[in-house]
mmCIF file of all heavy atoms, coordinates in Angstrom:
data_MODEL
# 
_entry.id   MODEL 
# 
loop_
_atom_site.group_PDB 
_atom_site.id 
_atom_site.type_symbol 
_atom_site.label_atom_id 
_atom_site.label_alt_id 
_atom_site.label_comp_id 
_atom_site.label_asym_id 
_atom_site.label_entity_id 
_atom_site.label_seq_id 
_atom_site.pdbx_PDB_ins_code 
_atom_site.Cartn_x 
_atom_site.Cartn_y 
_atom_site.Cartn_z 
_atom_site.occupancy 
_atom_site.B_iso_or_equiv 
_atom_site.pdbx_formal_charge 
_atom_site.auth_seq_id 
_atom_site.auth_comp_id 
_atom_site.auth_asym_id 
_atom_site.auth_atom_id 
_atom_site.pdbx_PDB_model_num 
ATOM 1   N N   . ALA A 1 1  ? 0.824  -1.207 0.000   1.00 0.00 ? 1  ALA A N   1 
ATOM 2   C CA  . ALA A 1 1  ? 0.000  0.000  0.000   1.00 0.00 ? 1  ALA A CA  1 
ATOM 3   C C   . ALA A 1 1  ? 0.858  1.258  0.000   1.00 0.00 ? 1  ALA A C   1 
ATOM 4   O O   . ALA A 1 1  ? 0.539  2.239  -0.685  1.00 0.00 ? 1  ALA A O   1 
ATOM 5   C CB  . ALA A 1 1  ? -0.936 -0.003 1.208   1.00 0.00 ? 1  ALA A CB  1 
ATOM 6   N N   . ILE A 1 2  ? 1.955  1.238  0.747   1.00 0.00 ? 2  ILE A N   1 
ATOM 7   C CA  . ILE A 1 2  ? 2.849  2.397  0.779   1.00 0.00 ? 2  ILE A CA  1 
ATOM 8   C C   . ILE A 1 2  ? 3.476  2.627  -0.594  1.00 0.00 ? 2  ILE A C   1 
ATOM 9   O O   . ILE A 1 2  ? 3.590  3.764  -1.063  1.00 0.00 ? 2  ILE A O   1 
ATOM 10  C CB  . ILE A 1 2  ? 3.939  2.219  1.864   1.00 0.00 ? 2  ILE A CB  1 
ATOM 11  C CG1 . ILE A 1 2  ? 3.291  2.231  3.255   1.00 0.00 ? 2  ILE A CG1 1 
ATOM 12  C CG2 . ILE A 1 2  ? 4.993  3.318  1.764   1.00 0.00 ? 2  ILE A CG2 1 
ATOM 13  C CD1 . ILE A 1 2  ? 4.247  1.875  4.383   1.00 0.00 ? 2  ILE A CD1 1 
ATOM 14  N N   . ILE A 1 3  ? 3.854  1.549  -1.276  1.00 0.00 ? 3  ILE A N   1 
ATOM 15  C CA  . ILE A 1 3  ? 4.456  1.677  -2.603  1.00 0.00 ? 3  ILE A CA  1 
ATOM 16  C C   . ILE A 1 3  ? 3.420  2.164  -3.618  1.00 0.00 ? 3  ILE A C   1 
ATOM 17  O O   . ILE A 1 3  ? 3.645  3.126  -4.356  1.00 0.00 ? 3  ILE A O   1 
ATOM 18  C CB  . ILE A 1 3  ? 5.067  0.332  -3.050  1.00 0.00 ? 3  ILE A CB  1 
ATOM 19  C CG1 . ILE A 1 3  ? 6.238  -0.060 -2.142  1.00 0.00 ? 3  ILE A CG1 1 
ATOM 20  C CG2 . ILE A 1 3  ? 5.547  0.418  -4.505  1.00 0.00 ? 3  ILE A CG2 1 
ATOM 21  C CD1 . ILE A 1 3  ? 6.731  -1.474 -2.340  1.00 0.00 ? 3  ILE A CD1 1 
ATOM 22  N N   . ALA A 1 4  ? 2.264  1.487  -3.647  1.00 0.00 ? 4  ALA A N   1 
ATOM 23  C CA  . ALA A 1 4  ? 1.236  1.841  -4.636  1.00 0.00 ? 4  ALA A CA  1 
ATOM 24  C C   . ALA A 1 4  ? 0.601  3.191  -4.342  1.00 0.00 ? 4  ALA A C   1 
ATOM 25  O O   . ALA A 1 4  ? 0.125  3.867  -5.262  1.00 0.00 ? 4  ALA A O   1 
ATOM 26  C CB  . ALA A 1 4  ? 0.157  0.757  -4.672  1.00 0.00 ? 4  ALA A CB  1 
ATOM 27  N N   . GLY A 1 5  ? 0.609  3.605  -3.082  1.00 0.00 ? 5  GLY A N   1 
ATOM 28  C CA  . GLY A 1 5  ? -0.061 4.832  -2.687  1.00 0.00 ? 5  GLY A CA  1 
ATOM 29  C C   . GLY A 1 5  ? 0.830  6.052  -2.646  1.00 0.00 ? 5  GLY A C   1 
ATOM 30  O O   . GLY A 1 5  ? 0.498  7.039  -1.972  1.00 0.00 ? 5  GLY A O   1 
ATOM 31  N N   . ASN A 1 6  ? 1.942  6.008  -3.369  1.00 0.00 ? 6  ASN A N   1 
ATOM 32  C CA  . ASN A 1 6  ? 2.842  7.164  -3.428  1.00 0.00 ? 6  ASN A CA  1 
ATOM 33  C C   . ASN A 1 6  ? 3.468  7.260  -4.813  1.00 0.00 ? 6  ASN A C   1 
ATOM 34  O O   . ASN A 1 6  ? 3.639  6.233  -5.488  1.00 0.00 ? 6  ASN A O   1 
ATOM 35  C CB  . ASN A 1 6  ? 3.949  7.031  -2.379  1.00 0.00 ? 6  ASN A CB  1 
ATOM 36  C CG  . ASN A 1 6  ? 3.477  7.394  -0.984  1.00 0.00 ? 6  ASN A CG  1 
ATOM 37  O OD1 . ASN A 1 6  ? 3.304  8.563  -0.658  1.00 0.00 ? 6  ASN A OD1 1 
ATOM 38  N ND2 . ASN A 1 6  ? 3.243  6.375  -0.164  1.00 0.00 ? 6  ASN A ND2 1 
ATOM 39  N N   . PRO A 1 7  ? 3.826  8.482  -5.239  1.00 0.00 ? 7  PRO A N   1 
ATOM 40  C CA  . PRO A 1 7  ? 4.554  8.605  -6.512  1.00 0.00 ? 7  PRO A CA  1 
ATOM 41  C C   . PRO A 1 7  ? 5.909  7.938  -6.392  1.00 0.00 ? 7  PRO A C   1 
ATOM 42  O O   . PRO A 1 7  ? 6.462  7.793  -5.288  1.00 0.00 ? 7  PRO A O   1 
ATOM 43  C CB  . PRO A 1 7  ? 4.680  10.121 -6.696  1.00 0.00 ? 7  PRO A CB  1 
ATOM 44  C CG  . PRO A 1 7  ? 4.527  10.701 -5.338  1.00 0.00 ? 7  PRO A CG  1 
ATOM 45  C CD  . PRO A 1 7  ? 3.598  9.791  -4.600  1.00 0.00 ? 7  PRO A CD  1 
ATOM 46  N N   . ARG A 1 8  ? 6.451  7.548  -7.505  1.00 0.00 ? 8  ARG A N   1 
ATOM 47  C CA  . ARG A 1 8  ? 7.673  6.751  -7.515  1.00 0.00 ? 8  ARG A CA  1 
ATOM 48  C C   . ARG A 1 8  ? 8.808  7.397  -6.713  1.00 0.00 ? 8  ARG A C   1 
ATOM 49  O O   . ARG A 1 8  ? 9.516  6.712  -5.971  1.00 0.00 ? 8  ARG A O   1 
ATOM 50  C CB  . ARG A 1 8  ? 8.114  6.531  -8.964  1.00 0.00 ? 8  ARG A CB  1 
ATOM 51  C CG  . ARG A 1 8  ? 9.320  5.622  -9.098  1.00 0.00 ? 8  ARG A CG  1 
ATOM 52  C CD  . ARG A 1 8  ? 9.609  5.332  -10.546 1.00 0.00 ? 8  ARG A CD  1 
ATOM 53  N NE  . ARG A 1 8  ? 10.725 4.399  -10.679 1.00 0.00 ? 8  ARG A NE  1 
ATOM 54  C CZ  . ARG A 1 8  ? 11.175 3.942  -11.832 1.00 0.00 ? 8  ARG A CZ  1 
ATOM 55  N NH1 . ARG A 1 8  ? 10.592 4.316  -12.959 1.00 0.00 ? 8  ARG A NH1 1 
ATOM 56  N NH2 . ARG A 1 8  ? 12.194 3.112  -11.874 1.00 0.00 ? 8  ARG A NH2 1 
ATOM 57  N N   . GLU A 1 9  ? 8.945  8.713  -6.832  1.00 0.00 ? 9  GLU A N   1 
ATOM 58  C CA  . GLU A 1 9  ? 10.084 9.375  -6.183  1.00 0.00 ? 9  GLU A CA  1 
ATOM 59  C C   . GLU A 1 9  ? 9.947  9.456  -4.666  1.00 0.00 ? 9  GLU A C   1 
ATOM 60  O O   . GLU A 1 9  ? 10.913 9.764  -3.962  1.00 0.00 ? 9  GLU A O   1 
ATOM 61  C CB  . GLU A 1 9  ? 10.262 10.784 -6.760  1.00 0.00 ? 9  GLU A CB  1 
ATOM 62  C CG  . GLU A 1 9  ? 9.127  11.754 -6.467  1.00 0.00 ? 9  GLU A CG  1 
ATOM 63  C CD  . GLU A 1 9  ? 7.984  11.663 -7.466  1.00 0.00 ? 9  GLU A CD  1 
ATOM 64  O OE1 . GLU A 1 9  ? 7.969  10.700 -8.280  1.00 0.00 ? 9  GLU A OE1 1 
ATOM 65  O OE2 . GLU A 1 9  ? 7.112  12.557 -7.440  1.00 0.00 ? 9  GLU A OE2 1 
ATOM 66  N N   . LYS A 1 10 ? 8.765  9.131  -4.124  1.00 0.00 ? 10 LYS A N   1 
ATOM 67  C CA  . LYS A 1 10 ? 8.574  9.219  -2.681  1.00 0.00 ? 10 LYS A CA  1 
ATOM 68  C C   . LYS A 1 10 ? 8.406  7.864  -1.995  1.00 0.00 ? 10 LYS A C   1 
ATOM 69  O O   . LYS A 1 10 ? 8.283  7.797  -0.771  1.00 0.00 ? 10 LYS A O   1 
ATOM 70  C CB  . LYS A 1 10 ? 7.339  10.086 -2.376  1.00 0.00 ? 10 LYS A CB  1 
ATOM 71  C CG  . LYS A 1 10 ? 7.530  11.561 -2.677  1.00 0.00 ? 10 LYS A CG  1 
ATOM 72  C CD  . LYS A 1 10 ? 6.350  12.370 -2.175  1.00 0.00 ? 10 LYS A CD  1 
ATOM 73  C CE  . LYS A 1 10 ? 6.586  13.856 -2.396  1.00 0.00 ? 10 LYS A CE  1 
ATOM 74  N NZ  . LYS A 1 10 ? 5.434  14.671 -1.896  1.00 0.00 ? 10 LYS A NZ  1 
ATOM 75  N N   . ARG A 1 11 ? 8.395  6.800  -2.755  1.00 0.00 ? 11 ARG A N   1 
ATOM 76  C CA  . ARG A 1 11 ? 8.072  5.490  -2.180  1.00 0.00 ? 11 ARG A CA  1 
ATOM 77  C C   . ARG A 1 11 ? 9.093  5.015  -1.159  1.00 0.00 ? 11 ARG A C   1 
ATOM 78  O O   . ARG A 1 11 ? 8.726  4.574  -0.061  1.00 0.00 ? 11 ARG A O   1 
ATOM 79  C CB  . ARG A 1 11 ? 7.923  4.458  -3.307  1.00 0.00 ? 11 ARG A CB  1 
ATOM 80  C CG  . ARG A 1 11 ? 6.702  4.690  -4.165  1.00 0.00 ? 11 ARG A CG  1 
ATOM 81  C CD  . ARG A 1 11 ? 6.706  3.793  -5.377  1.00 0.00 ? 11 ARG A CD  1 
ATOM 82  N NE  . ARG A 1 11 ? 5.603  4.127  -6.279  1.00 0.00 ? 11 ARG A NE  1 
ATOM 83  C CZ  . ARG A 1 11 ? 5.511  3.703  -7.523  1.00 0.00 ? 11 ARG A CZ  1 
ATOM 84  N NH1 . ARG A 1 11 ? 6.468  2.937  -8.033  1.00 0.00 ? 11 ARG A NH1 1 
ATOM 85  N NH2 . ARG A 1 11 ? 4.482  4.051  -8.259  1.00 0.00 ? 11 ARG A NH2 1 
ATOM 86  N N   . VAL A 1 12 ? 10.361 5.067  -1.506  1.00 0.00 ? 12 VAL A N   1 
ATOM 87  C CA  . VAL A 1 12 ? 11.398 4.618  -0.568  1.00 0.00 ? 12 VAL A CA  1 
ATOM 88  C C   . VAL A 1 12 ? 11.407 5.502  0.671   1.00 0.00 ? 12 VAL A C   1 
ATOM 89  O O   . VAL A 1 12 ? 11.552 5.010  1.798   1.00 0.00 ? 12 VAL A O   1 
ATOM 90  C CB  . VAL A 1 12 ? 12.783 4.597  -1.254  1.00 0.00 ? 12 VAL A CB  1 
ATOM 91  C CG1 . VAL A 1 12 ? 13.877 4.294  -0.227  1.00 0.00 ? 12 VAL A CG1 1 
ATOM 92  C CG2 . VAL A 1 12 ? 12.807 3.555  -2.377  1.00 0.00 ? 12 VAL A CG2 1 
ATOM 93  N N   . GLU A 1 13 ? 11.230 6.792  0.470   1.00 0.00 ? 13 GLU A N   1 
ATOM 94  C CA  . GLU A 1 13 ? 11.174 7.736  1.596   1.00 0.00 ? 13 GLU A CA  1 
ATOM 95  C C   . GLU A 1 13 ? 10.048 7.367  2.564   1.00 0.00 ? 13 GLU A C   1 
ATOM 96  O O   . GLU A 1 13 ? 10.236 7.360  3.790   1.00 0.00 ? 13 GLU A O   1 
ATOM 97  C CB  . GLU A 1 13 ? 10.958 9.147  1.056   1.00 0.00 ? 13 GLU A CB  1 
ATOM 98  C CG  . GLU A 1 13 ? 10.675 10.200 2.110   1.00 0.00 ? 13 GLU A CG  1 
ATOM 99  C CD  . GLU A 1 13 ? 10.186 11.501 1.500   1.00 0.00 ? 13 GLU A CD  1 
ATOM 100 O OE1 . GLU A 1 13 ? 10.582 11.809 0.338   1.00 0.00 ? 13 GLU A OE1 1 
ATOM 101 O OE2 . GLU A 1 13 ? 9.414  12.212 2.161   1.00 0.00 ? 13 GLU A OE2 1 
ATOM 102 N N   . LYS A 1 14 ? 8.871  7.034  2.033   1.00 0.00 ? 14 LYS A N   1 
ATOM 103 C CA  . LYS A 1 14 ? 7.730  6.679  2.878   1.00 0.00 ? 14 LYS A CA  1 
ATOM 104 C C   . LYS A 1 14 ? 7.942  5.315  3.546   1.00 0.00 ? 14 LYS A C   1 
ATOM 105 O O   . LYS A 1 14 ? 7.525  5.110  4.693   1.00 0.00 ? 14 LYS A O   1 
ATOM 106 C CB  . LYS A 1 14 ? 6.445  6.674  2.062   1.00 0.00 ? 14 LYS A CB  1 
ATOM 107 C CG  . LYS A 1 14 ? 6.042  8.048  1.532   1.00 0.00 ? 14 LYS A CG  1 
ATOM 108 C CD  . LYS A 1 14 ? 5.737  9.016  2.671   1.00 0.00 ? 14 LYS A CD  1 
ATOM 109 C CE  . LYS A 1 14 ? 5.257  10.351 2.144   1.00 0.00 ? 14 LYS A CE  1 
ATOM 110 N NZ  . LYS A 1 14 ? 4.962  11.318 3.230   1.00 0.00 ? 14 LYS A NZ  1 
ATOM 111 N N   . LEU A 1 15 ? 8.568  4.387  2.832   1.00 0.00 ? 15 LEU A N   1 
ATOM 112 C CA  . LEU A 1 15 ? 8.887  3.100  3.452   1.00 0.00 ? 15 LEU A CA  1 
ATOM 113 C C   . LEU A 1 15 ? 9.850  3.292  4.617   1.00 0.00 ? 15 LEU A C   1 
ATOM 114 O O   . LEU A 1 15 ? 9.678  2.692  5.694   1.00 0.00 ? 15 LEU A O   1 
ATOM 115 C CB  . LEU A 1 15 ? 9.499  2.148  2.414   1.00 0.00 ? 15 LEU A CB  1 
ATOM 116 C CG  . LEU A 1 15 ? 8.541  1.536  1.390   1.00 0.00 ? 15 LEU A CG  1 
ATOM 117 C CD1 . LEU A 1 15 ? 9.324  0.845  0.279   1.00 0.00 ? 15 LEU A CD1 1 
ATOM 118 C CD2 . LEU A 1 15 ? 7.582  0.537  2.051   1.00 0.00 ? 15 LEU A CD2 1 
ATOM 119 N N   . LYS A 1 16 ? 10.855 4.133  4.421   1.00 0.00 ? 16 LYS A N   1 
ATOM 120 C CA  . LYS A 1 16 ? 11.802 4.411  5.506   1.00 0.00 ? 16 LYS A CA  1 
ATOM 121 C C   . LYS A 1 16 ? 11.104 5.073  6.680   1.00 0.00 ? 16 LYS A C   1 
ATOM 122 O O   . LYS A 1 16 ? 11.390 4.754  7.850   1.00 0.00 ? 16 LYS A O   1 
ATOM 123 C CB  . LYS A 1 16 ? 12.945 5.286  4.994   1.00 0.00 ? 16 LYS A CB  1 
ATOM 124 C CG  . LYS A 1 16 ? 13.936 4.564  4.103   1.00 0.00 ? 16 LYS A CG  1 
ATOM 125 C CD  . LYS A 1 16 ? 15.071 5.490  3.679   1.00 0.00 ? 16 LYS A CD  1 
ATOM 126 C CE  . LYS A 1 16 ? 16.099 4.730  2.848   1.00 0.00 ? 16 LYS A CE  1 
ATOM 127 N NZ  . LYS A 1 16 ? 17.202 5.611  2.396   1.00 0.00 ? 16 LYS A NZ  1 
ATOM 128 N N   . GLU A 1 17 ? 10.186 5.978  6.377   1.00 0.00 ? 17 GLU A N   1 
ATOM 129 C CA  . GLU A 1 17 ? 9.456  6.658  7.449   1.00 0.00 ? 17 GLU A CA  1 
ATOM 130 C C   . GLU A 1 17 ? 8.657  5.648  8.278   1.00 0.00 ? 17 GLU A C   1 
ATOM 131 O O   . GLU A 1 17 ? 8.646  5.714  9.514   1.00 0.00 ? 17 GLU A O   1 
ATOM 132 C CB  . GLU A 1 17 ? 8.525  7.714  6.856   1.00 0.00 ? 17 GLU A CB  1 
ATOM 133 C CG  . GLU A 1 17 ? 7.823  8.564  7.911   1.00 0.00 ? 17 GLU A CG  1 
ATOM 134 C CD  . GLU A 1 17 ? 6.992  9.682  7.296   1.00 0.00 ? 17 GLU A CD  1 
ATOM 135 O OE1 . GLU A 1 17 ? 7.206  10.005 6.099   1.00 0.00 ? 17 GLU A OE1 1 
ATOM 136 O OE2 . GLU A 1 17 ? 6.134  10.234 8.021   1.00 0.00 ? 17 GLU A OE2 1 
ATOM 137 N N   . PHE A 1 18 ? 8.003  4.721  7.592   1.00 0.00 ? 18 PHE A N   1 
ATOM 138 C CA  . PHE A 1 18 ? 7.222  3.709  8.306   1.00 0.00 ? 18 PHE A CA  1 
ATOM 139 C C   . PHE A 1 18 ? 8.113  2.822  9.168   1.00 0.00 ? 18 PHE A C   1 
ATOM 140 O O   . PHE A 1 18 ? 7.851  2.628  10.363  1.00 0.00 ? 18 PHE A O   1 
ATOM 141 C CB  . PHE A 1 18 ? 6.433  2.842  7.319   1.00 0.00 ? 18 PHE A CB  1 
ATOM 142 C CG  . PHE A 1 18 ? 5.735  1.669  7.972   1.00 0.00 ? 18 PHE A CG  1 
ATOM 143 C CD1 . PHE A 1 18 ? 4.567  1.862  8.680   1.00 0.00 ? 18 PHE A CD1 1 
ATOM 144 C CD2 . PHE A 1 18 ? 6.268  0.380  7.893   1.00 0.00 ? 18 PHE A CD2 1 
ATOM 145 C CE1 . PHE A 1 18 ? 3.915  0.787  9.298   1.00 0.00 ? 18 PHE A CE1 1 
ATOM 146 C CE2 . PHE A 1 18 ? 5.639  -0.693 8.505   1.00 0.00 ? 18 PHE A CE2 1 
ATOM 147 C CZ  . PHE A 1 18 ? 4.460  -0.492 9.208   1.00 0.00 ? 18 PHE A CZ  1 
ATOM 148 N N   . TRP A 1 19 ? 9.183  2.294  8.574   1.00 0.00 ? 19 TRP A N   1 
ATOM 149 C CA  . TRP A 1 19 ? 10.010 1.338  9.303   1.00 0.00 ? 19 TRP A CA  1 
ATOM 150 C C   . TRP A 1 19 ? 10.840 2.008  10.398  1.00 0.00 ? 19 TRP A C   1 
ATOM 151 O O   . TRP A 1 19 ? 11.106 1.395  11.444  1.00 0.00 ? 19 TRP A O   1 
ATOM 152 C CB  . TRP A 1 19 ? 10.872 0.534  8.328   1.00 0.00 ? 19 TRP A CB  1 
ATOM 153 C CG  . TRP A 1 19 ? 10.032 -0.493 7.637   1.00 0.00 ? 19 TRP A CG  1 
ATOM 154 C CD1 . TRP A 1 19 ? 9.515  -0.439 6.374   1.00 0.00 ? 19 TRP A CD1 1 
ATOM 155 C CD2 . TRP A 1 19 ? 9.539  -1.701 8.222   1.00 0.00 ? 19 TRP A CD2 1 
ATOM 156 N NE1 . TRP A 1 19 ? 8.750  -1.535 6.130   1.00 0.00 ? 19 TRP A NE1 1 
ATOM 157 C CE2 . TRP A 1 19 ? 8.743  -2.334 7.236   1.00 0.00 ? 19 TRP A CE2 1 
ATOM 158 C CE3 . TRP A 1 19 ? 9.707  -2.313 9.454   1.00 0.00 ? 19 TRP A CE3 1 
ATOM 159 C CZ2 . TRP A 1 19 ? 8.116  -3.548 7.481   1.00 0.00 ? 19 TRP A CZ2 1 
ATOM 160 C CZ3 . TRP A 1 19 ? 9.072  -3.525 9.700   1.00 0.00 ? 19 TRP A CZ3 1 
ATOM 161 C CH2 . TRP A 1 19 ? 8.288  -4.134 8.719   1.00 0.00 ? 19 TRP A CH2 1 
ATOM 162 N N   . ASN A 1 20 ? 11.237 3.235  10.196  1.00 0.00 ? 20 ASN A N   1 
ATOM 163 C CA  . ASN A 1 20 ? 11.908 3.970  11.281  1.00 0.00 ? 20 ASN A CA  1 
ATOM 164 C C   . ASN A 1 20 ? 10.944 4.229  12.430  1.00 0.00 ? 20 ASN A C   1 
ATOM 165 O O   . ASN A 1 20 ? 11.334 4.170  13.603  1.00 0.00 ? 20 ASN A O   1 
ATOM 166 C CB  . ASN A 1 20 ? 12.486 5.285  10.765  1.00 0.00 ? 20 ASN A CB  1 
ATOM 167 C CG  . ASN A 1 20 ? 13.773 5.090  9.991   1.00 0.00 ? 20 ASN A CG  1 
ATOM 168 O OD1 . ASN A 1 20 ? 14.545 4.172  10.262  1.00 0.00 ? 20 ASN A OD1 1 
ATOM 169 N ND2 . ASN A 1 20 ? 14.020 5.942  9.013   1.00 0.00 ? 20 ASN A ND2 1 
ATOM 170 N N   . MET A 1 21 ? 9.679  4.495  12.102  1.00 0.00 ? 21 MET A N   1 
ATOM 171 C CA  . MET A 1 21 ? 8.697  4.764  13.138  1.00 0.00 ? 21 MET A CA  1 
ATOM 172 C C   . MET A 1 21 ? 8.407  3.516  13.975  1.00 0.00 ? 21 MET A C   1 
ATOM 173 O O   . MET A 1 21 ? 8.429  3.562  15.209  1.00 0.00 ? 21 MET A O   1 
ATOM 174 C CB  . MET A 1 21 ? 7.398  5.260  12.519  1.00 0.00 ? 21 MET A CB  1 
ATOM 175 C CG  . MET A 1 21 ? 6.280  5.507  13.526  1.00 0.00 ? 21 MET A CG  1 
ATOM 176 S SD  . MET A 1 21 ? 4.732  5.940  12.708  1.00 0.00 ? 21 MET A SD  1 
ATOM 177 C CE  . MET A 1 21 ? 4.441  4.440  11.762  1.00 0.00 ? 21 MET A CE  1 
ATOM 178 N N   . VAL A 1 22 ? 8.167  2.379  13.309  1.00 0.00 ? 22 VAL A N   1 
ATOM 179 C CA  . VAL A 1 22 ? 7.779  1.184  14.070  1.00 0.00 ? 22 VAL A CA  1 
ATOM 180 C C   . VAL A 1 22 ? 8.940  0.602  14.861  1.00 0.00 ? 22 VAL A C   1 
ATOM 181 O O   . VAL A 1 22 ? 8.729  -0.222 15.756  1.00 0.00 ? 22 VAL A O   1 
ATOM 182 C CB  . VAL A 1 22 ? 7.160  0.101  13.146  1.00 0.00 ? 22 VAL A CB  1 
ATOM 183 C CG1 . VAL A 1 22 ? 5.885  0.607  12.499  1.00 0.00 ? 22 VAL A CG1 1 
ATOM 184 C CG2 . VAL A 1 22 ? 8.154  -0.384 12.099  1.00 0.00 ? 22 VAL A CG2 1 
ATOM 185 N N   . SER A 1 23 ? 10.156 1.020  14.545  1.00 0.00 ? 23 SER A N   1 
ATOM 186 C CA  . SER A 1 23 ? 11.310 0.547  15.323  1.00 0.00 ? 23 SER A CA  1 
ATOM 187 C C   . SER A 1 23 ? 11.866 1.639  16.235  1.00 0.00 ? 23 SER A C   1 
ATOM 188 O O   . SER A 1 23 ? 12.876 1.437  16.903  1.00 0.00 ? 23 SER A O   1 
ATOM 189 C CB  . SER A 1 23 ? 12.419 0.054  14.390  1.00 0.00 ? 23 SER A CB  1 
ATOM 190 O OG  . SER A 1 23 ? 12.914 1.098  13.571  1.00 0.00 ? 23 SER A OG  1 
ATOM 191 N N   . SER A 1 24 ? 11.176 2.789  16.299  1.00 0.00 ? 24 SER A N   1 
ATOM 192 C CA  . SER A 1 24 ? 11.738 3.945  17.007  1.00 0.00 ? 24 SER A CA  1 
ATOM 193 C C   . SER A 1 24 ? 11.679 3.828  18.515  1.00 0.00 ? 24 SER A C   1 
ATOM 194 O O   . SER A 1 24 ? 12.522 4.382  19.219  1.00 0.00 ? 24 SER A O   1 
ATOM 195 C CB  . SER A 1 24 ? 11.006 5.229  16.579  1.00 0.00 ? 24 SER A CB  1 
ATOM 196 O OG  . SER A 1 24 ? 9.648  5.172  16.976  1.00 0.00 ? 24 SER A OG  1 
ATOM 197 N N   . ALA A 1 25 ? 10.676 3.119  19.037  1.00 0.00 ? 25 ALA A N   1 
ATOM 198 C CA  . ALA A 1 25 ? 10.521 3.074  20.489  1.00 0.00 ? 25 ALA A CA  1 
ATOM 199 C C   . ALA A 1 25 ? 11.008 1.763  21.078  1.00 0.00 ? 25 ALA A C   1 
ATOM 200 O O   . ALA A 1 25 ? 10.701 1.444  22.213  1.00 0.00 ? 25 ALA A O   1 
ATOM 201 C CB  . ALA A 1 25 ? 9.070  3.296  20.883  1.00 0.00 ? 25 ALA A CB  1 
ATOM 202 N N   . SER A 1 26 ? 11.754 0.998  20.282  1.00 0.00 ? 26 SER A N   1 
ATOM 203 C CA  . SER A 1 26 ? 12.316 -0.234 20.829  1.00 0.00 ? 26 SER A CA  1 
ATOM 204 C C   . SER A 1 26 ? 13.163 0.112  22.035  1.00 0.00 ? 26 SER A C   1 
ATOM 205 O O   . SER A 1 26 ? 14.080 0.926  21.953  1.00 0.00 ? 26 SER A O   1 
ATOM 206 C CB  . SER A 1 26 ? 13.187 -0.934 19.775  1.00 0.00 ? 26 SER A CB  1 
ATOM 207 O OG  . SER A 1 26 ? 13.918 -1.976 20.373  1.00 0.00 ? 26 SER A OG  1 
ATOM 208 N N   . PRO A 1 27 ? 12.871 -0.492 23.178  1.00 0.00 ? 27 PRO A N   1 
ATOM 209 C CA  . PRO A 1 27 ? 13.647 -0.166 24.373  1.00 0.00 ? 27 PRO A CA  1 
ATOM 210 C C   . PRO A 1 27 ? 15.113 -0.566 24.279  1.00 0.00 ? 27 PRO A C   1 
ATOM 211 O O   . PRO A 1 27 ? 15.897 -0.228 25.151  1.00 0.00 ? 27 PRO A O   1 
ATOM 212 C CB  . PRO A 1 27 ? 12.942 -0.990 25.466  1.00 0.00 ? 27 PRO A CB  1 
ATOM 213 C CG  . PRO A 1 27 ? 11.594 -1.299 24.914  1.00 0.00 ? 27 PRO A CG  1 
ATOM 214 C CD  . PRO A 1 27 ? 11.801 -1.425 23.438  1.00 0.00 ? 27 PRO A CD  1 
ATOM 215 N N   . MET A 1 28 ? 15.466 -1.291 23.226  1.00 0.00 ? 28 MET A N   1 
ATOM 216 C CA  . MET A 1 28 ? 16.850 -1.739 23.083  1.00 0.00 ? 28 MET A CA  1 
ATOM 217 C C   . MET A 1 28 ? 17.349 -1.421 21.677  1.00 0.00 ? 28 MET A C   1 
ATOM 218 O O   . MET A 1 28 ? 17.484 -2.298 20.833  1.00 0.00 ? 28 MET A O   1 
ATOM 219 C CB  . MET A 1 28 ? 16.962 -3.238 23.370  1.00 0.00 ? 28 MET A CB  1 
ATOM 220 C CG  . MET A 1 28 ? 16.510 -3.628 24.760  1.00 0.00 ? 28 MET A CG  1 
ATOM 221 S SD  . MET A 1 28 ? 16.725 -5.391 25.080  1.00 0.00 ? 28 MET A SD  1 
ATOM 222 C CE  . MET A 1 28 ? 18.493 -5.519 25.099  1.00 0.00 ? 28 MET A CE  1 
# 
């Protein structure tokens, strides 16, 4: 959904934003 729901030039940026967010509060 992140890939299909963004223009080509923003897809990797949005994927990074998602994965950085879900791993941001890891206590370790």
